[in-house]
N, C-alpha and C. Protein backbone atom coordinates (compact mmCIF):
# COMPACT_ATOMS: atom_id res chain seq x y z
N UNK A 1 15.68 41.62 18.07
CA UNK A 1 16.43 40.05 18.43
C UNK A 1 15.78 39.20 19.06
N UNK A 2 15.39 39.97 20.28
CA UNK A 2 14.42 39.15 21.21
C UNK A 2 13.36 38.36 20.42
N UNK A 3 12.61 39.05 20.19
CA UNK A 3 11.23 38.67 19.29
C UNK A 3 11.67 37.61 18.36
N UNK A 4 12.60 37.82 17.43
CA UNK A 4 13.03 36.91 16.46
C UNK A 4 13.66 35.49 17.17
N UNK A 5 14.28 35.54 18.34
CA UNK A 5 14.89 34.39 18.97
C UNK A 5 13.67 33.86 19.44
N UNK A 6 12.84 34.89 19.83
CA UNK A 6 11.58 33.93 20.40
C UNK A 6 10.83 33.27 19.40
N UNK A 7 10.59 33.98 18.32
CA UNK A 7 9.45 33.21 17.51
C UNK A 7 10.49 32.12 16.88
N UNK A 8 11.34 32.03 16.85
CA UNK A 8 12.25 30.65 16.06
C UNK A 8 12.05 29.63 17.33
N UNK A 9 12.18 30.11 18.51
CA UNK A 9 11.84 28.90 19.52
C UNK A 9 10.54 28.63 19.51
N UNK A 10 9.62 29.05 19.49
CA UNK A 10 7.83 28.78 19.36
C UNK A 10 7.89 28.15 18.34
N UNK A 11 8.51 28.49 17.07
CA UNK A 11 8.14 27.69 16.15
C UNK A 11 8.92 25.98 15.61
N UNK A 12 10.32 26.19 16.57
CA UNK A 12 10.58 25.20 16.66
C UNK A 12 9.84 23.82 17.79
N UNK A 13 9.60 24.54 18.96
CA UNK A 13 8.40 23.79 19.81
C UNK A 13 7.33 23.19 19.05
N UNK A 14 6.71 24.02 18.24
CA UNK A 14 5.66 23.61 17.92
C UNK A 14 5.72 22.74 16.75
N UNK A 15 6.89 22.75 16.13
CA UNK A 15 7.52 21.63 14.91
C UNK A 15 7.46 20.53 16.10
N UNK A 16 7.98 20.53 16.79
CA UNK A 16 8.63 19.28 17.51
C UNK A 16 7.27 18.52 17.99
N UNK A 17 6.51 19.42 18.42
CA UNK A 17 5.32 18.41 19.13
C UNK A 17 4.24 18.16 17.93
N UNK A 18 4.07 18.96 16.69
CA UNK A 18 3.34 18.33 15.57
C UNK A 18 3.79 17.37 14.94
N UNK A 19 5.17 16.88 14.75
CA UNK A 19 5.87 16.32 14.05
C UNK A 19 5.23 14.67 14.57
N UNK A 20 5.37 14.54 15.84
CA UNK A 20 4.52 12.72 16.15
C UNK A 20 3.22 13.07 15.88
N UNK A 21 2.37 13.83 15.71
CA UNK A 21 0.80 13.41 15.77
C UNK A 21 1.08 13.40 14.18
N UNK A 22 1.48 13.76 13.27
CA UNK A 22 1.60 13.72 11.89
C UNK A 22 1.56 12.33 11.61
N UNK A 23 3.02 11.79 11.98
CA UNK A 23 3.09 10.36 11.63
C UNK A 23 2.48 9.59 12.76
N UNK A 24 1.27 9.00 12.39
CA UNK A 24 0.49 8.34 13.20
C UNK A 24 1.68 6.85 13.62
N UNK A 25 1.18 6.61 14.97
CA UNK A 25 1.85 5.25 15.02
C UNK A 25 0.99 4.02 14.48
N UNK A 26 2.27 2.69 13.69
CA UNK A 26 1.75 1.78 13.67
C UNK A 26 1.12 0.97 14.39
N UNK A 27 0.00 0.49 14.26
CA UNK A 27 -0.58 -0.88 15.29
C UNK A 27 0.40 -1.96 15.17
N UNK A 28 0.45 -2.65 15.88
CA UNK A 28 1.34 -4.00 15.87
C UNK A 28 0.81 -4.72 15.28
N UNK A 29 1.57 -5.18 14.14
CA UNK A 29 1.23 -6.46 12.94
C UNK A 29 0.32 -7.56 13.87
N UNK A 30 0.81 -8.21 14.98
CA UNK A 30 0.45 -9.23 15.50
C UNK A 30 -1.09 -8.69 15.92
N UNK A 31 -1.02 -7.73 16.81
CA UNK A 31 -2.43 -7.37 17.08
C UNK A 31 -3.47 -7.04 15.90
N UNK A 32 -2.74 -6.44 14.96
CA UNK A 32 -3.90 -6.59 14.06
C UNK A 32 -4.35 -7.43 13.26
N UNK A 33 -3.47 -8.83 13.13
CA UNK A 33 -3.63 -10.06 12.56
C UNK A 33 -4.89 -10.27 13.52
N UNK A 34 -4.31 -10.44 14.91
CA UNK A 34 -5.66 -11.14 15.87
C UNK A 34 -7.25 -10.26 15.96
N UNK A 35 -7.03 -9.01 15.61
CA UNK A 35 -8.22 -8.30 15.67
C UNK A 35 -9.12 -8.72 14.18
N UNK A 36 -8.45 -8.46 13.26
CA UNK A 36 -9.26 -9.17 11.66
C UNK A 36 -9.52 -10.58 12.37
N UNK A 37 -8.71 -11.30 12.62
CA UNK A 37 -8.93 -12.74 12.79
C UNK A 37 -10.58 -12.98 13.61
N UNK A 38 -10.33 -11.92 14.77
CA UNK A 38 -11.39 -12.05 15.67
C UNK A 38 -12.97 -11.76 15.04
N UNK A 39 -12.73 -10.54 14.07
CA UNK A 39 -13.79 -10.30 13.52
C UNK A 39 -14.39 -10.97 12.67
N UNK A 40 -13.33 -11.59 11.77
CA UNK A 40 -14.02 -12.57 10.97
C UNK A 40 -15.17 -14.09 12.05
N UNK A 41 -14.07 -14.41 12.97
CA UNK A 41 -14.86 -15.46 13.81
C UNK A 41 -16.08 -15.05 14.09
N UNK A 42 -16.25 -13.70 14.98
CA UNK A 42 -17.31 -13.18 15.45
C UNK A 42 -18.14 -13.00 14.02
N UNK A 43 -18.04 -12.80 13.14
CA UNK A 43 -19.01 -12.47 12.34
C UNK A 43 -19.54 -14.43 11.84
N UNK A 44 -18.85 -15.18 11.90
CA UNK A 44 -19.23 -16.83 11.89
C UNK A 44 -20.41 -17.01 12.70
N UNK A 45 -19.74 -16.61 14.14
CA UNK A 45 -20.48 -16.56 15.23
C UNK A 45 -22.10 -16.14 15.34
N UNK A 46 -22.12 -15.17 14.87
CA UNK A 46 -22.95 -14.23 14.95
C UNK A 46 -23.99 -14.28 13.50
N UNK A 47 -23.54 -15.07 12.68
CA UNK A 47 -24.47 -15.58 11.50
C UNK A 47 -24.31 -14.48 10.26
N UNK A 48 -23.33 -13.25 10.61
CA UNK A 48 -23.22 -12.28 9.47
C UNK A 48 -22.52 -12.73 8.55
N UNK A 49 -21.42 -13.78 8.77
CA UNK A 49 -20.96 -14.26 7.40
C UNK A 49 -21.35 -15.53 7.11
N UNK A 50 -21.32 -16.33 6.00
CA UNK A 50 -21.50 -17.18 5.47
C UNK A 50 -20.39 -18.18 5.81
N UNK A 51 -20.49 -19.59 5.49
CA UNK A 51 -18.93 -20.48 5.52
C UNK A 51 -17.95 -20.33 4.40
N UNK A 52 -18.78 -19.88 3.34
CA UNK A 52 -17.54 -19.62 1.98
C UNK A 52 -17.02 -17.87 2.33
N UNK A 53 -18.02 -17.16 2.76
CA UNK A 53 -17.17 -15.67 3.09
C UNK A 53 -16.24 -15.80 4.09
N UNK A 54 -16.42 -16.38 5.06
CA UNK A 54 -15.71 -16.63 6.15
C UNK A 54 -14.31 -17.34 5.17
N UNK A 55 -14.49 -18.44 4.71
CA UNK A 55 -13.48 -19.07 3.96
C UNK A 55 -12.54 -18.43 3.20
N UNK A 56 -13.16 -17.48 2.51
CA UNK A 56 -12.78 -16.39 1.25
C UNK A 56 -11.48 -15.62 2.32
N UNK A 57 -12.32 -15.05 3.03
CA UNK A 57 -11.46 -14.07 3.82
C UNK A 57 -10.26 -14.65 4.83
N UNK A 58 -10.58 -15.65 4.95
CA UNK A 58 -9.47 -16.43 5.96
C UNK A 58 -8.30 -16.77 5.03
N UNK A 59 -8.52 -17.24 3.74
CA UNK A 59 -7.55 -17.73 2.65
C UNK A 59 -6.90 -16.23 2.50
N UNK A 60 -7.64 -15.01 2.45
CA UNK A 60 -6.67 -13.69 1.95
C UNK A 60 -6.10 -13.46 3.02
N UNK A 61 -6.67 -13.54 4.32
CA UNK A 61 -5.52 -13.38 5.68
C UNK A 61 -4.16 -14.31 5.94
N UNK A 62 -4.47 -15.31 5.40
CA UNK A 62 -3.39 -16.26 5.54
C UNK A 62 -2.48 -16.03 4.34
N UNK A 63 -3.08 -15.75 3.17
CA UNK A 63 -2.00 -15.26 2.19
C UNK A 63 -1.19 -13.77 2.83
N UNK A 64 -1.81 -12.81 3.46
CA UNK A 64 -1.16 -11.77 4.02
C UNK A 64 0.07 -12.21 4.98
N UNK A 65 -0.56 -13.24 5.87
CA UNK A 65 0.65 -13.70 6.74
C UNK A 65 1.91 -14.28 6.33
N UNK A 66 1.23 -14.83 5.07
CA UNK A 66 2.38 -15.39 4.33
C UNK A 66 3.62 -14.40 3.92
N UNK A 67 2.80 -13.53 3.24
CA UNK A 67 3.66 -12.62 2.55
C UNK A 67 4.56 -11.77 3.65
N UNK A 68 3.86 -11.25 4.79
CA UNK A 68 4.68 -11.27 5.99
C UNK A 68 5.69 -11.86 6.48
N UNK A 69 5.69 -13.13 6.40
CA UNK A 69 6.82 -14.19 6.70
C UNK A 69 8.08 -13.84 5.62
N UNK A 70 7.59 -13.97 4.51
CA UNK A 70 8.89 -13.69 3.48
C UNK A 70 9.33 -12.19 3.73
N UNK A 71 8.63 -11.37 3.82
CA UNK A 71 9.01 -10.05 4.50
C UNK A 71 10.21 -9.86 5.49
N UNK A 72 9.84 -10.38 6.55
CA UNK A 72 10.66 -10.39 7.81
C UNK A 72 11.67 -11.74 7.72
N UNK A 73 11.50 -12.42 6.50
CA UNK A 73 12.72 -13.35 6.21
C UNK A 73 14.06 -12.87 5.69
N UNK A 74 13.95 -11.81 5.09
CA UNK A 74 15.20 -10.99 4.82
C UNK A 74 15.91 -10.25 6.08
N UNK A 75 15.60 -8.72 6.21
CA UNK A 75 16.35 -8.28 7.19
C UNK A 75 15.16 -7.56 7.90
N UNK A 76 13.86 -8.29 8.28
CA UNK A 76 13.39 -7.78 9.20
C UNK A 76 12.12 -6.93 7.86
N UNK A 77 11.26 -6.02 8.81
CA UNK A 77 10.42 -5.32 7.96
C UNK A 77 10.85 -4.00 7.64
N UNK A 78 10.92 -3.35 6.41
CA UNK A 78 11.37 -2.13 5.77
C UNK A 78 10.12 -1.47 5.82
N UNK A 79 10.37 0.09 5.55
CA UNK A 79 8.89 0.70 5.84
C UNK A 79 7.93 0.67 4.65
N UNK A 80 8.67 0.38 3.43
CA UNK A 80 7.82 0.01 2.33
C UNK A 80 6.75 -1.09 2.23
N UNK A 81 7.29 -2.08 3.08
CA UNK A 81 7.01 -3.41 3.45
C UNK A 81 5.96 -3.39 4.52
N UNK A 82 6.01 -2.76 5.40
CA UNK A 82 5.02 -2.35 6.27
C UNK A 82 3.93 -1.35 5.71
N UNK A 83 4.57 -0.61 5.05
CA UNK A 83 3.23 0.00 4.22
C UNK A 83 2.29 -0.75 3.32
N UNK A 84 3.10 -1.68 2.53
CA UNK A 84 2.57 -2.67 2.43
C UNK A 84 1.48 -3.78 2.84
N UNK A 85 1.78 -4.15 3.79
CA UNK A 85 1.13 -4.96 4.82
C UNK A 85 -0.30 -4.05 5.00
N UNK A 86 0.37 -2.68 5.75
CA UNK A 86 -0.75 -1.94 6.24
C UNK A 86 -1.83 -1.58 5.26
N UNK A 87 -1.61 -1.60 3.83
CA UNK A 87 -2.39 -1.28 3.02
C UNK A 87 -3.39 -2.49 2.65
N UNK A 88 -2.57 -3.88 2.79
CA UNK A 88 -3.34 -4.88 2.47
C UNK A 88 -3.78 -5.32 3.61
N UNK A 89 -3.58 -4.94 4.84
CA UNK A 89 -4.70 -5.15 6.13
C UNK A 89 -5.98 -3.98 6.09
N UNK A 90 -5.86 -3.07 5.58
CA UNK A 90 -6.80 -2.27 5.34
C UNK A 90 -7.98 -2.82 4.19
N UNK A 91 -7.59 -3.09 3.34
CA UNK A 91 -8.41 -3.94 2.20
C UNK A 91 -9.34 -5.08 2.67
N UNK A 92 -8.39 -5.95 3.41
CA UNK A 92 -8.93 -7.14 3.99
C UNK A 92 -10.19 -6.46 5.38
N UNK A 93 -9.89 -5.51 6.11
CA UNK A 93 -10.56 -4.81 6.76
C UNK A 93 -12.28 -4.55 6.20
N UNK A 94 -11.80 -3.68 5.08
CA UNK A 94 -12.80 -3.37 4.50
C UNK A 94 -13.70 -4.43 4.00
N UNK A 95 -13.08 -5.57 3.42
CA UNK A 95 -14.03 -6.68 3.01
C UNK A 95 -14.52 -7.34 4.09
N UNK A 96 -13.95 -7.31 5.08
CA UNK A 96 -14.42 -7.95 5.86
C UNK A 96 -16.01 -7.02 6.33
N UNK A 97 -15.59 -6.16 6.45
CA UNK A 97 -16.93 -4.80 6.91
C UNK A 97 -17.95 -5.35 5.96
N UNK A 98 -17.68 -5.10 4.82
CA UNK A 98 -19.17 -5.37 3.67
C UNK A 98 -19.44 -6.60 3.80
N UNK A 99 -18.40 -7.65 3.68
CA UNK A 99 -19.30 -8.96 3.75
C UNK A 99 -20.08 -9.31 5.37
N UNK A 100 -19.76 -8.85 6.59
CA UNK A 100 -20.43 -8.83 7.49
C UNK A 100 -21.92 -7.87 7.32
N UNK A 101 -22.14 -7.00 6.45
CA UNK A 101 -22.97 -6.01 6.37
C UNK A 101 -23.56 -5.98 4.95
N UNK A 102 -23.49 -7.12 4.05
CA UNK A 102 -24.11 -7.58 2.85
C UNK A 102 -25.61 -8.07 3.18
N UNK A 103 -25.89 -8.50 4.40
CA UNK A 103 -27.35 -9.17 4.57
C UNK A 103 -27.69 -10.65 3.99
N UNK A 104 -26.41 -11.20 3.89
CA UNK A 104 -26.32 -12.54 3.61
C UNK A 104 -26.11 -13.19 4.99
N UNK A 105 -27.00 -13.86 5.44
CA UNK A 105 -26.89 -14.65 6.62
C UNK A 105 -26.94 -16.00 6.65
N UNK A 106 -26.86 -16.78 7.70
CA UNK A 106 -26.96 -18.07 8.09
C UNK A 106 -28.42 -18.63 8.43
N UNK A 107 -29.10 -17.60 8.24
CA UNK A 107 -30.83 -17.94 8.93
C UNK A 107 -30.66 -17.64 10.19
N UNK A 108 -30.00 -16.84 10.70
CA UNK A 108 -29.96 -16.15 11.99
C UNK A 108 -30.68 -14.68 11.89
N UNK A 109 -32.06 -14.76 12.86
CA UNK A 109 -32.70 -13.47 13.00
C UNK A 109 -31.96 -12.68 13.61
N UNK A 110 -31.83 -11.15 12.98
CA UNK A 110 -31.03 -9.95 13.44
C UNK A 110 -32.10 -9.21 13.75
N UNK A 111 -32.39 -8.73 14.99
CA UNK A 111 -33.54 -7.61 15.25
C UNK A 111 -32.92 -6.43 15.83
């Protein structure tokens, strides 16, 4: 009986420590927006993004910000709304990465 109780105790302790690790904490939305905006600005400054690319990325960024405001206007962010915003931020982040590395630049030489 002691072995059984010890095994249950060990399993529950393991589950309690593993559960938070599985559910990765979300990054603060404002921090994520600031990071994406900073990446766009940096791309413009170092010549990795053309003005057109930066404008398109900023338009998409503003669209996500407007959607977030609509989501928050109701009863705050629900889990599905947060997941939707995270997915949209992931897509925008991938677009920023793609545009910054597509070898279209504003004439700056990169060595």
